[in-house]
Amino acid sequence: MIVTSFRGRKVPLYVKNKSQLIAWALLVAKKMGKPISNAEFAFNLRCLRYGGIIHSLRQQGWNITTLRGKKRGEFYFECTYVPSYKTAKQGYAVIIEKG
């Protein structure tokens, strides 16, 4: 099940699955200038398998930096580069273009 909002922004209708949701959330966080924590992935986005999706995005050219938090087991993920929507894998192109 896809959540309806993240950080006060409504999730757009073109987001159809968890992979697209995470890509969209990373773009939202990039625009806000605040990285996403592992707790936000789990509790706010309801996605526990975010690690595999982040790995796939990295293989597709997304530059996602992992930052260690102050507490034990706390990590933050910051997207610093997104490939062009023209070269993006189908399904992510609309996310990048409309972001």
C-alpha atoms as a PDB file:
ATOM      1  CA  MET A   1       0.000   0.000   0.000  1.00  0.00           C
ATOM      2  CA  ILE A   2       1.320   3.429  -0.966  1.00  0.00           C
ATOM      3  CA  VAL A   3       1.111   6.259   1.574  1.00  0.00           C
ATOM      4  CA  THR A   4      -0.775   9.412   0.597  1.00  0.00           C
ATOM      5  CA  SER A   5       1.664  12.067   1.830  1.00  0.00           C
ATOM      6  CA  PHE A   6       5.271  12.639   2.847  1.00  0.00           C
ATOM      7  CA  ARG A   7       6.634  15.676   4.690  1.00  0.00           C
ATOM      8  CA  GLY A   8       3.427  17.572   4.098  1.00  0.00           C
ATOM      9  CA  ARG A   9       3.376  16.929   0.346  1.00  0.00           C
ATOM     10  CA  LYS A  10       0.726  14.792  -1.287  1.00  0.00           C
ATOM     11  CA  VAL A  11       2.083  11.782  -3.168  1.00  0.00           C
ATOM     12  CA  PRO A  12       1.249  12.269  -6.872  1.00  0.00           C
ATOM     13  CA  LEU A  13      -1.005   9.817  -8.706  1.00  0.00           C
ATOM     14  CA  TYR A  14       1.761   8.816 -11.129  1.00  0.00           C
ATOM     15  CA  VAL A  15       3.625   7.127  -8.240  1.00  0.00           C
ATOM     16  CA  LYS A  16       2.422   3.535  -8.632  1.00  0.00           C
ATOM     17  CA  ASN A  17       4.766   1.376  -6.502  1.00  0.00           C
ATOM     18  CA  LYS A  18       7.244   1.500  -3.614  1.00  0.00           C
ATOM     19  CA  SER A  19      10.257   1.939  -5.896  1.00  0.00           C
ATOM     20  CA  GLN A  20       8.724   5.018  -7.475  1.00  0.00           C
ATOM     21  CA  LEU A  21       7.642   6.237  -4.035  1.00  0.00           C
ATOM     22  CA  ILE A  22      11.203   6.098  -2.714  1.00  0.00           C
ATOM     23  CA  ALA A  23      12.557   7.824  -5.835  1.00  0.00           C
ATOM     24  CA  TRP A  24       9.936  10.567  -5.449  1.00  0.00           C
ATOM     25  CA  ALA A  25      10.643  10.927  -1.716  1.00  0.00           C
ATOM     26  CA  LEU A  26      14.383  11.290  -2.394  1.00  0.00           C
ATOM     27  CA  LEU A  27      13.612  14.084  -4.859  1.00  0.00           C
ATOM     28  CA  VAL A  28      11.335  15.799  -2.312  1.00  0.00           C
ATOM     29  CA  ALA A  29      14.063  15.548   0.320  1.00  0.00           C
ATOM     30  CA  LYS A  30      16.627  16.917  -2.145  1.00  0.00           C
ATOM     31  CA  LYS A  31      14.431  19.934  -2.875  1.00  0.00           C
ATOM     32  CA  MET A  32      13.903  20.516   0.864  1.00  0.00           C
ATOM     33  CA  GLY A  33      17.613  20.165   1.571  1.00  0.00           C
ATOM     34  CA  LYS A  34      17.052  17.578   4.306  1.00  0.00           C
ATOM     35  CA  PRO A  35      18.087  13.909   3.911  1.00  0.00           C
ATOM     36  CA  ILE A  36      15.687  11.037   4.652  1.00  0.00           C
ATOM     37  CA  SER A  37      16.316   8.908   7.735  1.00  0.00           C
ATOM     38  CA  ASN A  38      15.934   5.160   7.862  1.00  0.00           C
ATOM     39  CA  ALA A  39      13.102   5.710  10.358  1.00  0.00           C
ATOM     40  CA  GLU A  40      11.237   7.862   7.817  1.00  0.00           C
ATOM     41  CA  PHE A  41      11.523   5.077   5.241  1.00  0.00           C
ATOM     42  CA  ALA A  42      10.139   2.555   7.706  1.00  0.00           C
ATOM     43  CA  PHE A  43       7.472   4.531   9.549  1.00  0.00           C
ATOM     44  CA  ASN A  44       6.412   7.404   7.267  1.00  0.00           C
ATOM     45  CA  LEU A  45       6.764   5.678   3.884  1.00  0.00           C
ATOM     46  CA  ARG A  46       6.033   2.173   5.238  1.00  0.00           C
ATOM     47  CA  CYS A  47       8.866   0.674   3.254  1.00  0.00           C
ATOM     48  CA  LEU A  48      11.170  -1.716   5.086  1.00  0.00           C
ATOM     49  CA  ARG A  49      13.082  -2.925   2.008  1.00  0.00           C
ATOM     50  CA  TYR A  50      14.349   0.503   1.026  1.00  0.00           C
ATOM     51  CA  GLY A  51      17.976  -0.704   0.880  1.00  0.00           C
ATOM     52  CA  GLY A  52      17.384  -2.779  -2.238  1.00  0.00           C
ATOM     53  CA  ILE A  53      15.577   0.060  -3.973  1.00  0.00           C
ATOM     54  CA  ILE A  54      18.367   2.499  -3.123  1.00  0.00           C
ATOM     55  CA  HIS A  55      20.863  -0.017  -4.511  1.00  0.00           C
ATOM     56  CA  SER A  56      18.893  -0.233  -7.784  1.00  0.00           C
ATOM     57  CA  LEU A  57      18.692   3.559  -8.040  1.00  0.00           C
ATOM     58  CA  ARG A  58      22.456   3.812  -7.539  1.00  0.00           C
ATOM     59  CA  GLN A  59      23.005   1.302 -10.349  1.00  0.00           C
ATOM     60  CA  GLN A  60      20.866   3.504 -12.601  1.00  0.00           C
ATOM     61  CA  GLY A  61      23.061   6.530 -11.992  1.00  0.00           C
ATOM     62  CA  TRP A  62      21.471   8.187  -8.971  1.00  0.00           C
ATOM     63  CA  ASN A  63      24.062   9.486  -6.524  1.00  0.00           C
ATOM     64  CA  ILE A  64      22.706   8.669  -3.060  1.00  0.00           C
ATOM     65  CA  THR A  65      24.978   9.274  -0.098  1.00  0.00           C
ATOM     66  CA  THR A  66      24.557   7.369   3.160  1.00  0.00           C
ATOM     67  CA  LEU A  67      25.282   9.429   6.274  1.00  0.00           C
ATOM     68  CA  ARG A  68      25.662   8.012   9.771  1.00  0.00           C
ATOM     69  CA  GLY A  69      23.450   9.591  12.439  1.00  0.00           C
ATOM     70  CA  LYS A  70      24.405  10.421  16.014  1.00  0.00           C
ATOM     71  CA  LYS A  71      22.469   7.527  17.527  1.00  0.00           C
ATOM     72  CA  ARG A  72      23.250   3.851  17.083  1.00  0.00           C
ATOM     73  CA  GLY A  73      21.493   2.416  14.042  1.00  0.00           C
ATOM     74  CA  GLU A  74      20.514   5.829  12.691  1.00  0.00           C
ATOM     75  CA  PHE A  75      21.296   6.581   9.042  1.00  0.00           C
ATOM     76  CA  TYR A  76      20.356   9.294   6.585  1.00  0.00           C
ATOM     77  CA  PHE A  77      20.151   9.086   2.812  1.00  0.00           C
ATOM     78  CA  GLU A  78      20.809  12.132   0.676  1.00  0.00           C
ATOM     79  CA  CYS A  79      20.319  12.279  -3.087  1.00  0.00           C
ATOM     80  CA  THR A  80      22.947  14.555  -4.624  1.00  0.00           C
ATOM     81  CA  TYR A  81      22.540  13.722  -8.324  1.00  0.00           C
ATOM     82  CA  VAL A  82      19.667  12.466 -10.447  1.00  0.00           C
ATOM     83  CA  PRO A  83      20.206  11.305 -14.045  1.00  0.00           C
ATOM     84  CA  SER A  84      18.331  12.964 -16.887  1.00  0.00           C
ATOM     85  CA  TYR A  85      14.786  11.755 -17.362  1.00  0.00           C
ATOM     86  CA  LYS A  86      15.721  10.975 -20.975  1.00  0.00           C
ATOM     87  CA  THR A  87      18.233   8.329 -19.861  1.00  0.00           C
ATOM     88  CA  ALA A  88      16.280   7.037 -16.849  1.00  0.00           C
ATOM     89  CA  LYS A  89      14.809   3.562 -16.711  1.00  0.00           C
ATOM     90  CA  GLN A  90      11.154   3.377 -17.666  1.00  0.00           C
ATOM     91  CA  GLY A  91       9.015   4.022 -14.612  1.00  0.00           C
ATOM     92  CA  TYR A  92      11.487   6.491 -13.111  1.00  0.00           C
ATOM     93  CA  ALA A  93      11.493   8.907 -16.052  1.00  0.00           C
ATOM     94  CA  VAL A  94       8.135  10.401 -15.068  1.00  0.00           C
ATOM     95  CA  ILE A  95       9.295  10.703 -11.441  1.00  0.00           C
ATOM     96  CA  ILE A  96      12.421  12.603 -12.459  1.00  0.00           C
ATOM     97  CA  GLU A  97      10.625  14.763 -15.006  1.00  0.00           C
ATOM     98  CA  LYS A  98       7.728  15.796 -12.760  1.00  0.00           C
ATOM     99  CA  GLY A  99       9.628  15.374  -9.479  1.00  0.00           C
END
